[in-house]
Protein backbone atom coordinates (compact mmCIF):
# COMPACT_ATOMS: atom_id res chain seq x y z
CA MET A 1 130.04 132.36 96.46
CA LEU A 2 127.34 130.45 94.72
CA PRO A 3 126.62 131.11 91.07
CA PHE A 4 123.00 131.69 91.95
CA GLN A 5 121.03 132.87 95.07
CA LEU A 6 118.86 131.13 97.52
CA VAL A 7 115.60 132.63 98.74
CA TYR A 8 114.71 132.13 102.42
CA HIS A 9 112.74 133.72 105.22
CA GLU A 10 112.52 132.40 108.81
CA GLY A 11 108.78 132.94 108.46
CA TYR A 12 108.48 130.08 106.01
CA ASP A 13 107.81 127.64 108.93
CA LEU A 14 103.98 127.04 108.88
CA ASN A 15 104.07 126.42 112.64
CA LEU A 16 102.07 123.29 112.42
CA GLY A 17 103.33 121.70 115.60
CA GLU A 18 103.21 117.86 115.60
CA HIS A 19 102.00 117.39 112.02
CA VAL A 20 103.06 114.92 109.28
CA PHE A 21 104.14 117.94 107.18
CA PRO A 22 107.40 118.96 108.91
CA SER A 23 107.42 122.60 107.95
CA ARG A 24 110.39 123.19 110.25
CA LYS A 25 112.36 121.55 107.46
CA PHE A 26 112.79 124.96 105.91
CA ARG A 27 114.87 126.14 108.83
CA LEU A 28 116.89 122.99 108.89
CA ILE A 29 117.66 123.25 105.21
CA HIS A 30 118.84 126.87 105.65
CA TRP A 31 120.93 125.83 108.65
CA ARG A 32 122.57 122.82 106.98
CA LEU A 33 123.38 124.63 103.71
CA ILE A 34 125.51 127.02 105.80
CA GLN A 35 126.87 124.38 108.26
CA GLU A 36 128.05 122.17 105.33
CA GLY A 37 129.79 125.13 103.75
CA PHE A 38 127.64 124.96 100.56
CA ALA A 39 126.33 128.41 101.09
CA ALA A 40 127.23 131.58 103.00
CA THR A 41 124.84 134.00 104.59
CA GLU A 42 125.31 136.36 101.75
CA ASP A 43 124.07 133.77 99.28
CA PHE A 44 120.58 134.07 100.78
CA VAL A 45 118.05 136.74 99.85
CA GLU A 46 114.97 137.42 101.96
CA PRO A 47 111.66 137.77 100.17
CA SER A 48 108.83 140.17 100.82
CA PRO A 49 105.31 138.71 101.17
CA ALA A 50 103.26 138.62 98.03
CA SER A 51 100.73 141.40 97.90
CA ASP A 52 97.00 140.71 97.84
CA ASP A 53 97.02 142.06 94.24
CA ASP A 54 99.65 139.41 93.36
CA LEU A 55 97.42 136.69 94.84
CA LEU A 56 94.46 138.00 92.95
CA LEU A 57 96.18 137.06 89.71
CA VAL A 58 95.40 133.49 90.61
CA HIS A 59 93.08 133.28 93.62
CA ASP A 60 89.44 134.34 94.24
CA ALA A 61 89.02 137.40 96.33
CA GLU A 62 86.70 135.47 98.67
CA TRP A 63 89.36 132.79 99.41
CA ILE A 64 91.92 135.52 100.26
CA ARG A 65 89.49 137.26 102.50
CA LYS A 66 88.74 134.04 104.37
CA LEU A 67 92.40 133.36 104.96
CA LYS A 68 93.20 136.94 106.06
CA THR A 69 90.19 137.17 108.43
CA GLY A 70 90.27 133.62 109.78
CA THR A 71 86.74 132.91 108.63
CA LEU A 72 87.36 129.54 107.02
CA THR A 73 84.54 127.04 107.28
CA TYR A 74 84.82 123.70 108.89
CA GLN A 75 84.87 122.14 105.40
CA ASP A 76 87.61 124.55 104.32
CA ILE A 77 89.86 123.37 107.14
CA VAL A 78 89.10 119.69 106.66
CA ARG A 79 90.05 120.00 102.96
CA LEU A 80 93.13 122.00 103.78
CA GLU A 81 94.21 119.34 106.36
CA ILE A 82 96.30 121.85 108.45
CA PRO A 83 95.24 124.02 111.46
CA TYR A 84 94.53 127.66 110.88
CA SER A 85 96.75 130.37 112.43
CA ARG A 86 97.76 133.86 111.53
CA ARG A 87 101.49 132.81 111.27
CA THR A 88 100.47 130.04 108.89
CA VAL A 89 98.73 132.45 106.57
CA GLU A 90 101.72 134.78 106.76
CA ALA A 91 103.93 131.85 105.73
CA PHE A 92 101.89 131.24 102.63
CA TRP A 93 102.03 134.89 101.62
CA LEU A 94 105.87 134.72 102.12
CA ALA A 95 106.20 131.53 100.08
CA ALA A 96 104.36 133.14 97.11
CA GLY A 97 106.62 136.19 97.33
CA GLY A 98 109.60 133.84 97.58
CA THR A 99 108.69 131.87 94.48
CA ALA A 100 108.21 135.05 92.43
CA LEU A 101 111.67 136.28 93.63
CA ALA A 102 113.25 132.92 92.84
CA GLY A 103 111.87 133.40 89.31
CA ARG A 104 113.32 136.86 88.92
CA LEU A 105 116.72 135.65 90.22
CA ALA A 106 116.56 132.61 87.82
CA LEU A 107 116.17 135.01 84.95
CA LYS A 108 119.39 136.78 86.00
CA HIS A 109 121.53 133.72 86.88
CA GLY A 110 119.97 130.71 85.27
CA ILE A 111 118.82 129.23 88.55
CA GLY A 112 116.82 130.58 91.45
CA TYR A 113 116.21 128.32 94.46
CA ASN A 114 113.39 128.96 96.94
CA VAL A 115 113.91 127.18 100.24
CA GLY A 116 110.18 126.70 100.48
CA GLY A 117 107.17 126.99 98.30
CA GLY A 118 105.72 124.33 95.95
CA PHE A 119 102.16 124.38 97.38
CA HIS A 120 100.69 122.77 94.29
CA HIS A 121 97.33 121.51 95.63
CA ALA A 122 95.86 125.02 96.09
CA PHE A 123 93.05 126.02 93.77
CA PRO A 124 91.80 129.52 93.04
CA GLY A 125 88.96 129.28 95.50
CA HIS A 126 90.07 126.80 98.08
CA GLY A 127 93.06 125.02 99.65
CA GLU A 128 93.75 121.26 99.71
CA GLY A 129 96.48 118.93 100.96
CA PHE A 130 98.42 121.40 103.17
CA CYS A 131 98.32 124.08 100.45
CA ALA A 132 96.39 127.34 100.85
CA ILE A 133 98.01 129.58 98.24
CA ASN A 134 99.53 128.25 94.94
CA ASP A 135 102.84 130.01 95.03
CA ILE A 136 103.84 128.35 91.76
CA ALA A 137 101.01 129.92 89.79
CA VAL A 138 101.29 133.29 91.64
CA GLY A 139 105.02 133.43 90.79
CA ILE A 140 104.42 132.77 87.12
CA ARG A 141 101.56 135.27 86.85
CA CYS A 142 103.66 137.90 88.57
CA LEU A 143 106.47 137.52 86.16
CA GLN A 144 104.13 137.55 83.18
CA ARG A 145 102.54 140.76 84.50
CA GLU A 146 105.94 142.38 84.90
CA GLY A 147 106.83 141.37 81.31
CA LEU A 148 109.77 139.23 82.40
CA VAL A 149 108.46 136.01 80.89
CA ARG A 150 105.77 135.23 78.36
CA THR A 151 105.83 131.48 78.68
CA ALA A 152 106.44 129.17 81.53
CA MET A 153 106.65 125.40 82.16
CA VAL A 154 105.96 123.58 85.38
CA ILE A 155 107.61 120.23 85.94
CA ASP A 156 106.20 118.69 89.12
CA CYS A 157 108.13 115.82 90.57
CA ASP A 158 106.32 115.57 93.90
CA VAL A 159 104.90 112.02 94.55
CA HIS A 160 101.40 113.61 94.52
CA GLN A 161 99.93 115.03 91.27
CA GLY A 162 99.94 118.83 91.10
CA ASN A 163 96.15 119.05 90.83
CA GLY A 164 95.75 122.77 91.72
CA THR A 165 98.41 123.82 89.29
CA ALA A 166 96.98 121.69 86.55
CA ALA A 167 93.51 123.16 87.07
CA ILE A 168 94.83 126.80 87.18
CA PHE A 169 96.66 126.54 83.91
CA ALA A 170 94.22 124.32 82.08
CA GLY A 171 93.64 125.75 78.56
CA ASP A 172 96.29 128.44 79.00
CA PRO A 173 98.63 128.36 75.94
CA SER A 174 101.38 130.34 77.78
CA VAL A 175 101.95 127.69 80.53
CA PHE A 176 102.79 124.02 79.96
CA THR A 177 102.44 121.59 82.82
CA LEU A 178 104.01 118.19 83.41
CA SER A 179 103.43 116.07 86.48
CA ILE A 180 105.05 112.72 87.35
CA HIS A 181 103.52 111.02 90.31
CA GLN A 182 102.33 107.86 91.93
CA TYR A 183 98.88 107.14 90.42
CA ASN A 184 97.44 105.43 93.43
CA ASN A 185 97.87 108.21 95.82
CA TYR A 186 96.44 111.66 96.67
CA PRO A 187 94.62 113.41 95.11
CA SER A 188 91.85 111.01 94.05
CA VAL A 189 90.73 113.39 91.28
CA LYS A 190 93.59 114.36 89.12
CA PRO A 191 92.79 117.26 86.67
CA CYS A 192 94.77 116.84 83.38
CA SER A 193 98.21 118.37 83.05
CA ASP A 194 99.64 118.79 79.57
CA ILE A 195 101.56 115.63 80.37
CA ASP A 196 100.74 113.31 83.20
CA ILE A 197 103.10 110.39 84.00
CA HIS A 198 101.08 107.99 86.15
CA LEU A 199 103.55 105.70 87.93
CA PRO A 200 102.67 102.37 89.54
CA ASP A 201 103.25 101.64 93.18
CA GLY A 202 106.86 100.91 94.03
CA ALA A 203 108.34 102.39 90.84
CA SER A 204 112.16 102.29 91.00
CA ASP A 205 114.91 104.70 90.11
CA ALA A 206 115.27 103.19 86.62
CA GLU A 207 111.64 103.31 85.68
CA TYR A 208 111.13 106.75 87.10
CA ASN A 209 114.01 108.42 85.42
CA ALA A 210 113.53 106.67 82.11
CA ARG A 211 109.93 107.86 81.82
CA LEU A 212 110.74 111.33 83.25
CA GLY A 213 113.61 111.84 80.83
CA ALA A 214 111.54 110.81 77.80
CA ASP A 215 108.67 113.06 78.60
CA VAL A 216 110.77 116.03 79.67
CA ARG A 217 112.44 115.89 76.27
CA LEU A 218 109.04 115.62 74.66
CA ALA A 219 107.73 118.61 76.63
CA PHE A 220 110.67 120.74 75.47
CA SER A 221 110.22 119.60 71.89
CA ARG A 222 106.60 120.85 72.03
CA PHE A 223 107.02 124.00 74.09
CA GLN A 224 109.83 126.60 74.53
CA PRO A 225 109.37 128.18 78.03
CA ASP A 226 111.27 131.30 79.21
CA LEU A 227 111.11 129.88 82.67
CA LEU A 228 110.76 126.48 84.21
CA VAL A 229 109.32 126.11 87.71
CA TYR A 230 110.73 122.88 89.02
CA VAL A 231 108.67 121.42 91.89
CA ALA A 232 111.29 119.24 93.47
CA GLY A 233 109.30 117.18 96.02
CA ALA A 234 111.24 114.96 98.29
CA ASP A 235 108.42 112.42 98.76
CA PRO A 236 109.17 109.97 95.85
CA TYR A 237 111.89 108.74 98.30
CA GLN A 238 111.55 105.08 99.28
CA GLN A 239 111.28 105.89 103.02
CA ASP A 240 108.54 108.57 102.73
CA GLN A 241 105.49 108.22 104.98
CA LEU A 242 103.05 109.58 102.40
CA GLY A 243 104.57 108.13 99.26
CA GLY A 244 104.62 104.69 97.71
CA LEU A 245 107.52 104.91 95.23
CA ALA A 246 110.98 103.49 95.68
CA LEU A 247 113.48 106.09 94.67
CA THR A 248 116.85 106.18 96.38
CA LEU A 249 118.97 109.27 97.15
CA ASP A 250 120.96 108.53 94.04
CA GLY A 251 117.74 108.18 91.93
CA LEU A 252 116.51 111.53 93.21
CA TRP A 253 119.82 113.17 92.49
CA GLU A 254 119.58 111.90 88.76
CA ARG A 255 115.96 113.12 88.68
CA ASP A 256 117.12 116.60 89.54
CA ARG A 257 119.98 116.45 86.98
CA VAL A 258 117.66 115.36 84.16
CA VAL A 259 115.18 118.19 84.77
CA ILE A 260 117.60 121.04 85.40
CA GLU A 261 120.12 120.10 82.72
CA THR A 262 117.43 119.67 80.01
CA ALA A 263 115.95 123.09 80.92
CA LEU A 264 119.26 124.93 80.90
CA ARG A 265 120.25 123.34 77.64
CA HIS A 266 116.98 124.69 76.06
CA GLY A 267 117.73 128.16 77.32
CA ALA A 268 115.05 128.10 80.05
CA ALA A 269 115.86 129.60 83.47
CA VAL A 270 115.00 127.37 86.36
CA ALA A 271 113.15 128.40 89.56
CA VAL A 272 113.24 125.52 92.14
CA VAL A 273 110.57 125.05 94.79
CA LEU A 274 110.46 122.32 97.29
CA ALA A 275 106.91 120.96 97.82
CA GLY A 276 106.48 117.86 99.98
CA GLY A 277 108.70 115.48 101.91
CA TYR A 278 107.65 113.28 104.75
CA ALA A 279 110.48 110.81 105.30
CA TYR A 280 110.38 108.75 108.52
CA GLN A 281 113.72 110.42 109.39
CA LEU A 282 113.37 114.20 108.85
CA GLN A 283 117.03 114.52 108.07
CA ASP A 284 116.47 112.38 104.95
CA THR A 285 113.95 114.93 103.67
CA VAL A 286 116.35 117.72 104.39
CA THR A 287 119.22 115.93 102.59
CA ILE A 288 117.12 115.45 99.49
CA HIS A 289 116.28 119.11 99.32
CA ILE A 290 119.89 120.11 99.91
CA ASN A 291 120.96 117.72 97.18
CA THR A 292 118.72 119.48 94.67
CA ALA A 293 120.65 122.75 95.39
CA LYS A 294 123.94 120.85 94.90
CA VAL A 295 122.75 119.38 91.59
CA ALA A 296 121.62 122.82 90.44
CA LYS A 297 125.09 124.26 91.12
CA GLU A 298 126.87 121.36 89.47
CA VAL A 299 124.70 121.51 86.30
CA LEU A 300 124.87 125.29 86.03
CA GLU A 301 128.66 125.28 86.22
CA THR A 302 129.07 122.42 83.65
CA THR A 303 126.26 123.12 81.29
CA GLY A 304 125.98 126.89 81.58
CA TRP A 305 122.99 128.87 80.53
CA GLN A 306 122.32 131.17 77.64
CA PRO A 307 118.92 132.86 77.92
CA ARG A 308 116.76 133.00 74.82
CA PRO A 309 114.74 136.00 73.63
CA LEU A 310 111.29 136.06 75.10
CA THR A 311 109.04 133.55 73.27
CA SER A 312 105.59 134.09 71.91
CA ALA A 313 102.63 132.91 73.95
CA GLY A 314 101.59 130.25 71.41
CA ARG A 315 102.34 126.57 71.53
C-alpha cells in the first residue's frame, strides 16, 4: 500500500492519434505502475470532471462555451496545436478535476500524484501549445475556494516556460510561481513568473540541478505555501523531440528529489502533475514520469511531512 494516492482516469487520453504529444502515455503509466508492483489498483482514485463553475474560477465564459460547443475559430485551433474533438474536451475537464483531487489528497497525505494534468500553456481566454484548460490554476483556485489552502506555489520543471500559469497568477500575492526552462524554446513570449530560470541550450544535470536547488531554496525563503503544485515535465530529457536540454534519467531523478524534499521539509503538501514529454522512445517518457512517483514515495518515507497551519495570503 502506497503512503499516498494516485489520481487516474482512463479518459485522460486526449485521443490525438498520431501526434507528437503522446497522450496515450497516461494509460501506459497507469499500466506500468501496476505491472512493476509499485502500485495496486486500490492505490488509484478516479476523479470527477471539473464543473463549469470550477473552470470559471480561471477561464473566461466565452472560452468554455467554445470548447463545449465545438465553435473554436481556425485561429483558436492553430494556436492550440491539437485537433478538436468531444473526447479531447472531456479529457481536459477530467484533468482539471484530477489536479484538484490530487491537491486535496496531498493535504491529507503529504503527496498527491495526478497521472495527468500540467497543461500550463492555457490562458483564461484561449489555449496554446496542446493546452486548452489550465488544470494547475483551476486546482489551486478550487482549493482556495474550499478554504483548504490560502497560499500555493507552482514549481514548473517542464522544458517549456509555464506562460499561461505565469500570466494567470501575475500580481496575485497568494500564489508564487517558479519556472525553470530552456530559454530558446517555446513559447516565444514568456510572461514573468515570480522566478524564471532561463537555461541555455544543452544545459546538463549539474547546471540544471544547481540552479534549480538554489532558486527553490530562495523561493521557500520568500514564500510559505500551504500547497506546492509540482509540474514534473519529462521533456528536459536529453532524448526529447521538443526539448534542447541534456538531462539524464539520473539528473531528472535528482530534480524530483530536490523539489519534493524541499517542499516537504517546509511543511508544504505536494501535488504532482505531469505536463509534457516527447522522447523519441515513448517508454523513456513513461519511465521518467514513473520515476517521479518513486521519488515521491522515497522522499515522503524518509523525510516525512508535518503540515503547517494555514498561512496568510501575504508575501
